[in-house]
Amino acid sequence: DPALEDASVSLGASERETFFHVSLPLVLPGLTAIWVMVFIRTMVAYV
């Protein structure tokens, strides 16, 4: 939700702080799922 990032910036956080404290924690579960999916694809690759 862009409103969450906008709220962080309006409270004085920098773009870097917003990324590490707002955006990244929100997507972390999805990133874990991506990690597992790439791991699976690599396990069966041999080319």
PDB file of all heavy atoms in Angstrom:
ATOM      1  N   ASP A   1       0.848  -1.196   0.000  1.00  0.00           N
ATOM      2  CA  ASP A   1       0.000   0.000   0.000  1.00  0.00           C
ATOM      3  C   ASP A   1       0.885   1.248   0.000  1.00  0.00           C
ATOM      4  O   ASP A   1       1.637   1.480   0.956  1.00  0.00           O
ATOM      5  CB  ASP A   1      -0.900  -0.015   1.238  1.00  0.00           C
ATOM      6  CG  ASP A   1      -1.958   1.087   1.195  1.00  0.00           C
ATOM      7  OD1 ASP A   1      -1.886   1.945   0.297  1.00  0.00           O
ATOM      8  OD2 ASP A   1      -2.848   1.080   2.067  1.00  0.00           O
ATOM      9  N   PRO A   2       0.809   2.087  -1.033  1.00  0.00           N
ATOM     10  CA  PRO A   2       1.645   3.300  -1.073  1.00  0.00           C
ATOM     11  C   PRO A   2       1.396   4.230   0.111  1.00  0.00           C
ATOM     12  O   PRO A   2       2.287   5.000   0.495  1.00  0.00           O
ATOM     13  CB  PRO A   2       1.245   3.956  -2.401  1.00  0.00           C
ATOM     14  CG  PRO A   2       0.662   2.851  -3.221  1.00  0.00           C
ATOM     15  CD  PRO A   2      -0.002   1.933  -2.247  1.00  0.00           C
ATOM     16  N   ALA A   3       0.194   4.162   0.683  1.00  0.00           N
ATOM     17  CA  ALA A   3      -0.118   5.044   1.811  1.00  0.00           C
ATOM     18  C   ALA A   3       0.790   4.765   3.004  1.00  0.00           C
ATOM     19  O   ALA A   3       1.124   5.681   3.771  1.00  0.00           O
ATOM     20  CB  ALA A   3      -1.585   4.878   2.209  1.00  0.00           C
ATOM     21  N   LEU A   4       1.207   3.520   3.164  1.00  0.00           N
ATOM     22  CA  LEU A   4       2.089   3.175   4.276  1.00  0.00           C
ATOM     23  C   LEU A   4       3.466   3.812   4.093  1.00  0.00           C
ATOM     24  O   LEU A   4       4.064   4.322   5.046  1.00  0.00           O
ATOM     25  CB  LEU A   4       2.218   1.662   4.390  1.00  0.00           C
ATOM     26  CG  LEU A   4       0.924   0.895   4.698  1.00  0.00           C
ATOM     27  CD1 LEU A   4       1.176  -0.610   4.668  1.00  0.00           C
ATOM     28  CD2 LEU A   4       0.381   1.313   6.057  1.00  0.00           C
ATOM     29  N   GLU A   5       3.967   3.773   2.865  1.00  0.00           N
ATOM     30  CA  GLU A   5       5.264   4.399   2.586  1.00  0.00           C
ATOM     31  C   GLU A   5       5.166   5.914   2.698  1.00  0.00           C
ATOM     32  O   GLU A   5       6.081   6.572   3.218  1.00  0.00           O
ATOM     33  CB  GLU A   5       5.759   3.985   1.204  1.00  0.00           C
ATOM     34  CG  GLU A   5       6.037   2.496   1.072  1.00  0.00           C
ATOM     35  CD  GLU A   5       6.498   2.101  -0.317  1.00  0.00           C
ATOM     36  OE1 GLU A   5       6.006   2.690  -1.296  1.00  0.00           O
ATOM     37  OE2 GLU A   5       7.358   1.215  -0.412  1.00  0.00           O
ATOM     38  N   ASP A   6       4.063   6.486   2.225  1.00  0.00           N
ATOM     39  CA  ASP A   6       3.867   7.933   2.323  1.00  0.00           C
ATOM     40  C   ASP A   6       3.802   8.378   3.776  1.00  0.00           C
ATOM     41  O   ASP A   6       4.341   9.431   4.150  1.00  0.00           O
ATOM     42  CB  ASP A   6       2.593   8.340   1.582  1.00  0.00           C
ATOM     43  CG  ASP A   6       2.698   8.121   0.076  1.00  0.00           C
ATOM     44  OD1 ASP A   6       3.836   8.049  -0.429  1.00  0.00           O
ATOM     45  OD2 ASP A   6       1.648   8.010  -0.581  1.00  0.00           O
ATOM     46  N   ALA A   7       3.148   7.567   4.599  1.00  0.00           N
ATOM     47  CA  ALA A   7       3.049   7.907   6.015  1.00  0.00           C
ATOM     48  C   ALA A   7       4.422   7.881   6.669  1.00  0.00           C
ATOM     49  O   ALA A   7       4.742   8.737   7.514  1.00  0.00           O
ATOM     50  CB  ALA A   7       2.107   6.929   6.721  1.00  0.00           C
ATOM     51  N   SER A   8       5.253   6.907   6.282  1.00  0.00           N
ATOM     52  CA  SER A   8       6.601   6.820   6.835  1.00  0.00           C
ATOM     53  C   SER A   8       7.431   8.039   6.451  1.00  0.00           C
ATOM     54  O   SER A   8       8.137   8.615   7.299  1.00  0.00           O
ATOM     55  CB  SER A   8       7.293   5.539   6.330  1.00  0.00           C
ATOM     56  OG  SER A   8       8.625   5.484   6.760  1.00  0.00           O
ATOM     57  N   VAL A   9       7.327   8.452   5.202  1.00  0.00           N
ATOM     58  CA  VAL A   9       8.074   9.625   4.742  1.00  0.00           C
ATOM     59  C   VAL A   9       7.573  10.892   5.432  1.00  0.00           C
ATOM     60  O   VAL A   9       8.364  11.773   5.818  1.00  0.00           O
ATOM     61  CB  VAL A   9       7.958   9.753   3.213  1.00  0.00           C
ATOM     62  CG1 VAL A   9       8.610  11.058   2.728  1.00  0.00           C
ATOM     63  CG2 VAL A   9       8.615   8.565   2.526  1.00  0.00           C
ATOM     64  N   SER A  10       6.253  11.000   5.600  1.00  0.00           N
ATOM     65  CA  SER A  10       5.684  12.188   6.237  1.00  0.00           C
ATOM     66  C   SER A  10       6.105  12.323   7.698  1.00  0.00           C
ATOM     67  O   SER A  10       6.102  13.425   8.259  1.00  0.00           O
ATOM     68  CB  SER A  10       4.157  12.148   6.150  1.00  0.00           C
ATOM     69  OG  SER A  10       3.638  11.077   6.933  1.00  0.00           O
ATOM     70  N   LEU A  11       6.483  11.193   8.312  1.00  0.00           N
ATOM     71  CA  LEU A  11       6.944  11.214   9.699  1.00  0.00           C
ATOM     72  C   LEU A  11       8.446  11.463   9.813  1.00  0.00           C
ATOM     73  O   LEU A  11       9.007  11.401  10.908  1.00  0.00           O
ATOM     74  CB  LEU A  11       6.584   9.895  10.389  1.00  0.00           C
ATOM     75  CG  LEU A  11       5.084   9.645  10.596  1.00  0.00           C
ATOM     76  CD1 LEU A  11       4.842   8.246  11.151  1.00  0.00           C
ATOM     77  CD2 LEU A  11       4.503  10.704  11.545  1.00  0.00           C
ATOM     78  N   GLY A  12       9.089  11.724   8.670  1.00  0.00           N
ATOM     79  CA  GLY A  12      10.491  12.103   8.690  1.00  0.00           C
ATOM     80  C   GLY A  12      11.462  11.012   8.298  1.00  0.00           C
ATOM     81  O   GLY A  12      12.681  11.231   8.322  1.00  0.00           O
ATOM     82  N   ALA A  13      10.977   9.835   7.954  1.00  0.00           N
ATOM     83  CA  ALA A  13      11.872   8.742   7.572  1.00  0.00           C
ATOM     84  C   ALA A  13      12.397   8.965   6.153  1.00  0.00           C
ATOM     85  O   ALA A  13      11.681   9.461   5.279  1.00  0.00           O
ATOM     86  CB  ALA A  13      11.145   7.404   7.656  1.00  0.00           C
ATOM     87  N   SER A  14      13.640   8.588   5.943  1.00  0.00           N
ATOM     88  CA  SER A  14      14.219   8.680   4.600  1.00  0.00           C
ATOM     89  C   SER A  14      13.708   7.525   3.747  1.00  0.00           C
ATOM     90  O   SER A  14      13.066   6.594   4.251  1.00  0.00           O
ATOM     91  CB  SER A  14      15.742   8.642   4.683  1.00  0.00           C
ATOM     92  OG  SER A  14      16.177   7.388   5.205  1.00  0.00           O
ATOM     93  N   GLU A  15      14.014   7.586   2.445  1.00  0.00           N
ATOM     94  CA  GLU A  15      13.584   6.499   1.561  1.00  0.00           C
ATOM     95  C   GLU A  15      14.233   5.174   1.962  1.00  0.00           C
ATOM     96  O   GLU A  15      13.594   4.120   1.911  1.00  0.00           O
ATOM     97  CB  GLU A  15      13.934   6.834   0.113  1.00  0.00           C
ATOM     98  CG  GLU A  15      13.445   5.789  -0.888  1.00  0.00           C
ATOM     99  CD  GLU A  15      13.713   6.186  -2.322  1.00  0.00           C
ATOM    100  OE1 GLU A  15      14.137   7.335  -2.558  1.00  0.00           O
ATOM    101  OE2 GLU A  15      13.498   5.341  -3.217  1.00  0.00           O
ATOM    102  N   ARG A  16      15.496   5.253   2.385  1.00  0.00           N
ATOM    103  CA  ARG A  16      16.185   4.040   2.827  1.00  0.00           C
ATOM    104  C   ARG A  16      15.550   3.474   4.088  1.00  0.00           C
ATOM    105  O   ARG A  16      15.344   2.259   4.199  1.00  0.00           O
ATOM    106  CB  ARG A  16      17.655   4.357   3.069  1.00  0.00           C
ATOM    107  CG  ARG A  16      18.477   3.165   3.550  1.00  0.00           C
ATOM    108  CD  ARG A  16      19.928   3.548   3.736  1.00  0.00           C
ATOM    109  NE  ARG A  16      20.719   2.433   4.217  1.00  0.00           N
ATOM    110  CZ  ARG A  16      22.019   2.480   4.486  1.00  0.00           C
ATOM    111  NH1 ARG A  16      22.669   3.631   4.310  1.00  0.00           N
ATOM    112  NH2 ARG A  16      22.657   1.421   4.919  1.00  0.00           N
ATOM    113  N   GLU A  17      15.246   4.325   5.041  1.00  0.00           N
ATOM    114  CA  GLU A  17      14.609   3.866   6.276  1.00  0.00           C
ATOM    115  C   GLU A  17      13.224   3.301   5.999  1.00  0.00           C
ATOM    116  O   GLU A  17      12.814   2.296   6.601  1.00  0.00           O
ATOM    117  CB  GLU A  17      14.526   5.019   7.272  1.00  0.00           C
ATOM    118  CG  GLU A  17      15.880   5.457   7.808  1.00  0.00           C
ATOM    119  CD  GLU A  17      15.789   6.711   8.661  1.00  0.00           C
ATOM    120  OE1 GLU A  17      14.864   7.535   8.408  1.00  0.00           O
ATOM    121  OE2 GLU A  17      16.622   6.873   9.571  1.00  0.00           O
ATOM    122  N   THR A  18      12.499   3.929   5.085  1.00  0.00           N
ATOM    123  CA  THR A  18      11.170   3.431   4.718  1.00  0.00           C
ATOM    124  C   THR A  18      11.257   2.053   4.087  1.00  0.00           C
ATOM    125  O   THR A  18      10.438   1.177   4.364  1.00  0.00           O
ATOM    126  CB  THR A  18      10.498   4.419   3.744  1.00  0.00           C
ATOM    127  OG1 THR A  18      10.346   5.690   4.385  1.00  0.00           O
ATOM    128  CG2 THR A  18       9.122   3.904   3.327  1.00  0.00           C
ATOM    129  N   PHE A  19      12.282   1.869   3.267  1.00  0.00           N
ATOM    130  CA  PHE A  19      12.446   0.571   2.614  1.00  0.00           C
ATOM    131  C   PHE A  19      12.714  -0.532   3.633  1.00  0.00           C
ATOM    132  O   PHE A  19      12.066  -1.578   3.619  1.00  0.00           O
ATOM    133  CB  PHE A  19      13.585   0.632   1.601  1.00  0.00           C
ATOM    134  CG  PHE A  19      13.976  -0.705   1.036  1.00  0.00           C
ATOM    135  CD1 PHE A  19      13.198  -1.313   0.064  1.00  0.00           C
ATOM    136  CD2 PHE A  19      15.114  -1.362   1.487  1.00  0.00           C
ATOM    137  CE1 PHE A  19      13.542  -2.552  -0.457  1.00  0.00           C
ATOM    138  CE2 PHE A  19      15.475  -2.594   0.969  1.00  0.00           C
ATOM    139  CZ  PHE A  19      14.688  -3.190   0.002  1.00  0.00           C
ATOM    140  N   PHE A  20      13.661  -0.293   4.542  1.00  0.00           N
ATOM    141  CA  PHE A  20      14.073  -1.338   5.479  1.00  0.00           C
ATOM    142  C   PHE A  20      13.065  -1.547   6.621  1.00  0.00           C
ATOM    143  O   PHE A  20      12.972  -2.659   7.153  1.00  0.00           O
ATOM    144  CB  PHE A  20      15.450  -1.021   6.068  1.00  0.00           C
ATOM    145  CG  PHE A  20      16.584  -1.323   5.134  1.00  0.00           C
ATOM    146  CD1 PHE A  20      17.270  -0.297   4.496  1.00  0.00           C
ATOM    147  CD2 PHE A  20      16.963  -2.631   4.878  1.00  0.00           C
ATOM    148  CE1 PHE A  20      18.312  -0.574   3.632  1.00  0.00           C
ATOM    149  CE2 PHE A  20      18.008  -2.917   4.010  1.00  0.00           C
ATOM    150  CZ  PHE A  20      18.686  -1.881   3.390  1.00  0.00           C
ATOM    151  N   HIS A  21      12.308  -0.530   6.971  1.00  0.00           N
ATOM    152  CA  HIS A  21      11.423  -0.643   8.125  1.00  0.00           C
ATOM    153  C   HIS A  21       9.947  -0.779   7.757  1.00  0.00           C
ATOM    154  O   HIS A  21       9.129  -1.125   8.629  1.00  0.00           O
ATOM    155  CB  HIS A  21      11.605   0.562   9.050  1.00  0.00           C
ATOM    156  CG  HIS A  21      12.973   0.661   9.650  1.00  0.00           C
ATOM    157  ND1 HIS A  21      13.423  -0.207  10.622  1.00  0.00           N
ATOM    158  CD2 HIS A  21      14.009   1.507   9.392  1.00  0.00           C
ATOM    159  CE1 HIS A  21      14.659   0.103  10.959  1.00  0.00           C
ATOM    160  NE2 HIS A  21      15.049   1.135  10.214  1.00  0.00           N
ATOM    161  N   VAL A  22       9.600  -0.507   6.499  1.00  0.00           N
ATOM    162  CA  VAL A  22       8.193  -0.602   6.089  1.00  0.00           C
ATOM    163  C   VAL A  22       8.019  -1.569   4.925  1.00  0.00           C
ATOM    164  O   VAL A  22       7.346  -2.591   5.064  1.00  0.00           O
ATOM    165  CB  VAL A  22       7.632   0.793   5.701  1.00  0.00           C
ATOM    166  CG1 VAL A  22       6.176   0.662   5.228  1.00  0.00           C
ATOM    167  CG2 VAL A  22       7.709   1.745   6.892  1.00  0.00           C
ATOM    168  N   SER A  23       8.627  -1.253   3.791  1.00  0.00           N
ATOM    169  CA  SER A  23       8.395  -2.044   2.575  1.00  0.00           C
ATOM    170  C   SER A  23       8.937  -3.464   2.695  1.00  0.00           C
ATOM    171  O   SER A  23       8.220  -4.437   2.431  1.00  0.00           O
ATOM    172  CB  SER A  23       9.043  -1.346   1.371  1.00  0.00           C
ATOM    173  OG  SER A  23       8.562  -0.037   1.221  1.00  0.00           O
ATOM    174  N   LEU A  24      10.206  -3.596   3.085  1.00  0.00           N
ATOM    175  CA  LEU A  24      10.830  -4.919   3.146  1.00  0.00           C
ATOM    176  C   LEU A  24      10.141  -5.851   4.143  1.00  0.00           C
ATOM    177  O   LEU A  24       9.887  -7.016   3.807  1.00  0.00           O
ATOM    178  CB  LEU A  24      12.318  -4.780   3.464  1.00  0.00           C
ATOM    179  CG  LEU A  24      13.147  -6.070   3.386  1.00  0.00           C
ATOM    180  CD1 LEU A  24      13.058  -6.676   1.989  1.00  0.00           C
ATOM    181  CD2 LEU A  24      14.605  -5.800   3.749  1.00  0.00           C
ATOM    182  N   PRO A  25       9.829  -5.408   5.368  1.00  0.00           N
ATOM    183  CA  PRO A  25       9.114  -6.321   6.276  1.00  0.00           C
ATOM    184  C   PRO A  25       7.769  -6.790   5.734  1.00  0.00           C
ATOM    185  O   PRO A  25       7.353  -7.920   5.999  1.00  0.00           O
ATOM    186  CB  PRO A  25       8.933  -5.471   7.550  1.00  0.00           C
ATOM    187  CG  PRO A  25      10.056  -4.495   7.508  1.00  0.00           C
ATOM    188  CD  PRO A  25      10.225  -4.159   6.055  1.00  0.00           C
ATOM    189  N   LEU A  26       7.088  -5.937   4.987  1.00  0.00           N
ATOM    190  CA  LEU A  26       5.786  -6.318   4.447  1.00  0.00           C
ATOM    191  C   LEU A  26       5.898  -7.421   3.395  1.00  0.00           C
ATOM    192  O   LEU A  26       5.030  -8.284   3.304  1.00  0.00           O
ATOM    193  CB  LEU A  26       5.091  -5.095   3.840  1.00  0.00           C
ATOM    194  CG  LEU A  26       4.458  -4.110   4.829  1.00  0.00           C
ATOM    195  CD1 LEU A  26       3.972  -2.868   4.104  1.00  0.00           C
ATOM    196  CD2 LEU A  26       3.312  -4.775   5.582  1.00  0.00           C
ATOM    197  N   VAL A  27       6.949  -7.366   2.592  1.00  0.00           N
ATOM    198  CA  VAL A  27       7.088  -8.346   1.511  1.00  0.00           C
ATOM    199  C   VAL A  27       7.953  -9.533   1.911  1.00  0.00           C
ATOM    200  O   VAL A  27       8.129 -10.456   1.108  1.00  0.00           O
ATOM    201  CB  VAL A  27       7.686  -7.695   0.238  1.00  0.00           C
ATOM    202  CG1 VAL A  27       6.813  -6.533  -0.229  1.00  0.00           C
ATOM    203  CG2 VAL A  27       9.118  -7.227   0.482  1.00  0.00           C
ATOM    204  N   LEU A  28       8.500  -9.540   3.115  1.00  0.00           N
ATOM    205  CA  LEU A  28       9.420 -10.596   3.523  1.00  0.00           C
ATOM    206  C   LEU A  28       8.822 -11.993   3.412  1.00  0.00           C
ATOM    207  O   LEU A  28       9.499 -12.927   2.944  1.00  0.00           O
ATOM    208  CB  LEU A  28       9.915 -10.338   4.948  1.00  0.00           C
ATOM    209  CG  LEU A  28      11.052 -11.239   5.432  1.00  0.00           C
ATOM    210  CD1 LEU A  28      12.266 -11.122   4.506  1.00  0.00           C
ATOM    211  CD2 LEU A  28      11.446 -10.892   6.862  1.00  0.00           C
ATOM    212  N   PRO A  29       7.557 -12.226   3.844  1.00  0.00           N
ATOM    213  CA  PRO A  29       6.993 -13.578   3.656  1.00  0.00           C
ATOM    214  C   PRO A  29       6.950 -14.003   2.196  1.00  0.00           C
ATOM    215  O   PRO A  29       7.234 -15.157   1.864  1.00  0.00           O
ATOM    216  CB  PRO A  29       5.579 -13.444   4.243  1.00  0.00           C
ATOM    217  CG  PRO A  29       5.665 -12.302   5.197  1.00  0.00           C
ATOM    218  CD  PRO A  29       6.632 -11.349   4.576  1.00  0.00           C
ATOM    219  N   GLY A  30       6.611 -13.055   1.319  1.00  0.00           N
ATOM    220  CA  GLY A  30       6.595 -13.376  -0.107  1.00  0.00           C
ATOM    221  C   GLY A  30       7.982 -13.642  -0.648  1.00  0.00           C
ATOM    222  O   GLY A  30       8.172 -14.518  -1.497  1.00  0.00           O
ATOM    223  N   LEU A  31       8.982 -12.908  -0.159  1.00  0.00           N
ATOM    224  CA  LEU A  31      10.363 -13.138  -0.583  1.00  0.00           C
ATOM    225  C   LEU A  31      10.844 -14.514  -0.149  1.00  0.00           C
ATOM    226  O   LEU A  31      11.617 -15.162  -0.863  1.00  0.00           O
ATOM    227  CB  LEU A  31      11.279 -12.061  -0.011  1.00  0.00           C
ATOM    228  CG  LEU A  31      11.100 -10.648  -0.582  1.00  0.00           C
ATOM    229  CD1 LEU A  31      11.988  -9.661   0.159  1.00  0.00           C
ATOM    230  CD2 LEU A  31      11.397 -10.630  -2.075  1.00  0.00           C
ATOM    231  N   THR A  32      10.393 -14.942   1.020  1.00  0.00           N
ATOM    232  CA  THR A  32      10.739 -16.293   1.473  1.00  0.00           C
ATOM    233  C   THR A  32      10.165 -17.336   0.528  1.00  0.00           C
ATOM    234  O   THR A  32      10.825 -18.326   0.187  1.00  0.00           O
ATOM    235  CB  THR A  32      10.214 -16.532   2.898  1.00  0.00           C
ATOM    236  OG1 THR A  32      10.690 -15.500   3.760  1.00  0.00           O
ATOM    237  CG2 THR A  32      10.667 -17.884   3.428  1.00  0.00           C
ATOM    238  N   ALA A  33       8.945 -17.115   0.080  1.00  0.00           N
ATOM    239  CA  ALA A  33       8.324 -18.032  -0.879  1.00  0.00           C
ATOM    240  C   ALA A  33       9.071 -18.031  -2.202  1.00  0.00           C
ATOM    241  O   ALA A  33       9.254 -19.082  -2.833  1.00  0.00           O
ATOM    242  CB  ALA A  33       6.851 -17.643  -1.099  1.00  0.00           C
ATOM    243  N   ILE A  34       9.540 -16.860  -2.640  1.00  0.00           N
ATOM    244  CA  ILE A  34      10.328 -16.770  -3.871  1.00  0.00           C
ATOM    245  C   ILE A  34      11.626 -17.539  -3.711  1.00  0.00           C
ATOM    246  O   ILE A  34      12.061 -18.264  -4.623  1.00  0.00           O
ATOM    247  CB  ILE A  34      10.598 -15.299  -4.226  1.00  0.00           C
ATOM    248  CG1 ILE A  34       9.293 -14.590  -4.601  1.00  0.00           C
ATOM    249  CG2 ILE A  34      11.600 -15.196  -5.378  1.00  0.00           C
ATOM    250  CD1 ILE A  34       9.444 -13.094  -4.796  1.00  0.00           C
ATOM    251  N   TRP A  35      12.270 -17.405  -2.549  1.00  0.00           N
ATOM    252  CA  TRP A  35      13.510 -18.130  -2.282  1.00  0.00           C
ATOM    253  C   TRP A  35      13.288 -19.629  -2.435  1.00  0.00           C
ATOM    254  O   TRP A  35      14.087 -20.337  -3.067  1.00  0.00           O
ATOM    255  CB  TRP A  35      14.014 -17.808  -0.880  1.00  0.00           C
ATOM    256  CG  TRP A  35      15.378 -18.329  -0.564  1.00  0.00           C
ATOM    257  CD1 TRP A  35      16.551 -17.655  -0.626  1.00  0.00           C
ATOM    258  CD2 TRP A  35      15.719 -19.673  -0.145  1.00  0.00           C
ATOM    259  NE1 TRP A  35      17.602 -18.465  -0.277  1.00  0.00           N
ATOM    260  CE2 TRP A  35      17.124 -19.708   0.021  1.00  0.00           C
ATOM    261  CE3 TRP A  35      14.988 -20.823   0.102  1.00  0.00           C
ATOM    262  CZ2 TRP A  35      17.800 -20.858   0.436  1.00  0.00           C
ATOM    263  CZ3 TRP A  35      15.655 -21.973   0.504  1.00  0.00           C
ATOM    264  CH2 TRP A  35      17.036 -21.993   0.669  1.00  0.00           C
ATOM    265  N   VAL A  36      12.211 -20.128  -1.865  1.00  0.00           N
ATOM    266  CA  VAL A  36      11.921 -21.559  -1.935  1.00  0.00           C
ATOM    267  C   VAL A  36      11.663 -21.986  -3.377  1.00  0.00           C
ATOM    268  O   VAL A  36      12.143 -23.030  -3.833  1.00  0.00           O
ATOM    269  CB  VAL A  36      10.710 -21.918  -1.047  1.00  0.00           C
ATOM    270  CG1 VAL A  36      10.327 -23.385  -1.220  1.00  0.00           C
ATOM    271  CG2 VAL A  36      11.027 -21.639   0.422  1.00  0.00           C
ATOM    272  N   MET A  37      10.930 -21.173  -4.133  1.00  0.00           N
ATOM    273  CA  MET A  37      10.631 -21.515  -5.519  1.00  0.00           C
ATOM    274  C   MET A  37      11.904 -21.571  -6.367  1.00  0.00           C
ATOM    275  O   MET A  37      12.094 -22.498  -7.165  1.00  0.00           O
ATOM    276  CB  MET A  37       9.644 -20.509  -6.109  1.00  0.00           C
ATOM    277  CG  MET A  37       9.306 -20.748  -7.572  1.00  0.00           C
ATOM    278  SD  MET A  37       8.639 -22.413  -7.876  1.00  0.00           S
ATOM    279  CE  MET A  37       7.028 -22.257  -7.115  1.00  0.00           C
ATOM    280  N   VAL A  38      12.788 -20.590  -6.210  1.00  0.00           N
ATOM    281  CA  VAL A  38      14.052 -20.602  -6.960  1.00  0.00           C
ATOM    282  C   VAL A  38      14.901 -21.796  -6.542  1.00  0.00           C
ATOM    283  O   VAL A  38      15.555 -22.443  -7.376  1.00  0.00           O
ATOM    284  CB  VAL A  38      14.822 -19.284  -6.753  1.00  0.00           C
ATOM    285  CG1 VAL A  38      16.194 -19.349  -7.430  1.00  0.00           C
ATOM    286  CG2 VAL A  38      14.023 -18.109  -7.300  1.00  0.00           C
ATOM    287  N   PHE A  39      14.902 -22.109  -5.257  1.00  0.00           N
ATOM    288  CA  PHE A  39      15.638 -23.280  -4.758  1.00  0.00           C
ATOM    289  C   PHE A  39      15.153 -24.552  -5.438  1.00  0.00           C
ATOM    290  O   PHE A  39      15.955 -25.392  -5.878  1.00  0.00           O
ATOM    291  CB  PHE A  39      15.459 -23.383  -3.243  1.00  0.00           C
ATOM    292  CG  PHE A  39      16.111 -24.593  -2.627  1.00  0.00           C
ATOM    293  CD1 PHE A  39      17.448 -24.562  -2.270  1.00  0.00           C
ATOM    294  CD2 PHE A  39      15.389 -25.759  -2.419  1.00  0.00           C
ATOM    295  CE1 PHE A  39      18.056 -25.683  -1.714  1.00  0.00           C
ATOM    296  CE2 PHE A  39      15.984 -26.876  -1.861  1.00  0.00           C
ATOM    297  CZ  PHE A  39      17.327 -26.839  -1.504  1.00  0.00           C
ATOM    298  N   ILE A  40      13.835 -24.709  -5.558  1.00  0.00           N
ATOM    299  CA  ILE A  40      13.258 -25.897  -6.201  1.00  0.00           C
ATOM    300  C   ILE A  40      13.690 -25.971  -7.662  1.00  0.00           C
ATOM    301  O   ILE A  40      14.120 -27.029  -8.153  1.00  0.00           O
ATOM    302  CB  ILE A  40      11.727 -25.880  -6.098  1.00  0.00           C
ATOM    303  CG1 ILE A  40      11.281 -25.972  -4.641  1.00  0.00           C
ATOM    304  CG2 ILE A  40      11.115 -27.029  -6.896  1.00  0.00           C
ATOM    305  CD1 ILE A  40       9.802 -25.755  -4.454  1.00  0.00           C
ATOM    306  N   ARG A  41      13.584 -24.854  -8.364  1.00  0.00           N
ATOM    307  CA  ARG A  41      13.924 -24.844  -9.794  1.00  0.00           C
ATOM    308  C   ARG A  41      15.397 -25.168 -10.003  1.00  0.00           C
ATOM    309  O   ARG A  41      15.764 -25.864 -10.970  1.00  0.00           O
ATOM    310  CB  ARG A  41      13.587 -23.476 -10.391  1.00  0.00           C
ATOM    311  CG  ARG A  41      12.106 -23.124 -10.379  1.00  0.00           C
ATOM    312  CD  ARG A  41      11.317 -23.977 -11.358  1.00  0.00           C
ATOM    313  NE  ARG A  41      11.727 -23.702 -12.714  1.00  0.00           N
ATOM    314  CZ  ARG A  41      11.201 -22.742 -13.477  1.00  0.00           C
ATOM    315  NH1 ARG A  41      10.242 -21.958 -12.996  1.00  0.00           N
ATOM    316  NH2 ARG A  41      11.615 -22.560 -14.710  1.00  0.00           N
ATOM    317  N   THR A  42      16.250 -24.669  -9.123  1.00  0.00           N
ATOM    318  CA  THR A  42      17.681 -24.930  -9.258  1.00  0.00           C
ATOM    319  C   THR A  42      18.013 -26.377  -8.940  1.00  0.00           C
ATOM    320  O   THR A  42      18.915 -26.969  -9.557  1.00  0.00           O
ATOM    321  CB  THR A  42      18.493 -23.995  -8.342  1.00  0.00           C
ATOM    322  OG1 THR A  42      18.075 -22.643  -8.546  1.00  0.00           O
ATOM    323  CG2 THR A  42      19.982 -24.095  -8.637  1.00  0.00           C
ATOM    324  N   MET A  43      17.290 -26.966  -7.987  1.00  0.00           N
ATOM    325  CA  MET A  43      17.540 -28.359  -7.607  1.00  0.00           C
ATOM    326  C   MET A  43      17.380 -29.309  -8.785  1.00  0.00           C
ATOM    327  O   MET A  43      18.076 -30.336  -8.871  1.00  0.00           O
ATOM    328  CB  MET A  43      16.593 -28.775  -6.484  1.00  0.00           C
ATOM    329  CG  MET A  43      17.003 -28.330  -5.101  1.00  0.00           C
ATOM    330  SD  MET A  43      18.347 -29.314  -4.400  1.00  0.00           S
ATOM    331  CE  MET A  43      17.524 -30.896  -4.135  1.00  0.00           C
ATOM    332  N   VAL A  44      16.460 -29.008  -9.701  1.00  0.00           N
ATOM    333  CA  VAL A  44      16.174 -29.928 -10.805  1.00  0.00           C
ATOM    334  C   VAL A  44      16.842 -29.497 -12.114  1.00  0.00           C
ATOM    335  O   VAL A  44      16.602 -30.110 -13.154  1.00  0.00           O
ATOM    336  CB  VAL A  44      14.651 -30.069 -11.016  1.00  0.00           C
ATOM    337  CG1 VAL A  44      13.992 -30.631  -9.777  1.00  0.00           C
ATOM    338  CG2 VAL A  44      14.009 -28.726 -11.377  1.00  0.00           C
ATOM    339  N   ALA A  45      17.666 -28.452 -12.079  1.00  0.00           N
ATOM    340  CA  ALA A  45      18.332 -27.963 -13.294  1.00  0.00           C
ATOM    341  C   ALA A  45      19.689 -28.623 -13.453  1.00  0.00           C
ATOM    342  O   ALA A  45      20.407 -28.829 -12.474  1.00  0.00           O
ATOM    343  CB  ALA A  45      18.478 -26.443 -13.231  1.00  0.00           C
ATOM    344  N   TYR A  46      20.055 -28.947 -14.681  1.00  0.00           N
ATOM    345  CA  TYR A  46      21.365 -29.560 -14.910  1.00  0.00           C
ATOM    346  C   TYR A  46      22.080 -29.043 -16.154  1.00  0.00           C
ATOM    347  O   TYR A  46      23.237 -29.400 -16.399  1.00  0.00           O
ATOM    348  CB  TYR A  46      21.243 -31.085 -15.012  1.00  0.00           C
ATOM    349  CG  TYR A  46      20.596 -31.605 -16.268  1.00  0.00           C
ATOM    350  CD1 TYR A  46      21.359 -31.952 -17.375  1.00  0.00           C
ATOM    351  CD2 TYR A  46      19.220 -31.749 -16.359  1.00  0.00           C
ATOM    352  CE1 TYR A  46      20.780 -32.430 -18.538  1.00  0.00           C
ATOM    353  CE2 TYR A  46      18.625 -32.227 -17.518  1.00  0.00           C
ATOM    354  CZ  TYR A  46      19.401 -32.568 -18.602  1.00  0.00           C
ATOM    355  OH  TYR A  46      18.804 -33.024 -19.744  1.00  0.00           O
ATOM    356  N   VAL A  47      21.430 -28.179 -16.938  1.00  0.00           N
ATOM    357  CA  VAL A  47      22.052 -27.688 -18.163  1.00  0.00           C
ATOM    358  C   VAL A  47      23.305 -26.877 -17.841  1.00  0.00           C
ATOM    359  O   VAL A  47      24.344 -27.014 -18.501  1.00  0.00           O
ATOM    360  CB  VAL A  47      21.057 -26.839 -18.975  1.00  0.00           C
ATOM    361  CG1 VAL A  47      21.737 -26.297 -20.240  1.00  0.00           C
ATOM    362  CG2 VAL A  47      19.833 -27.665 -19.359  1.00  0.00           C
TER     363      VAL A  47
END
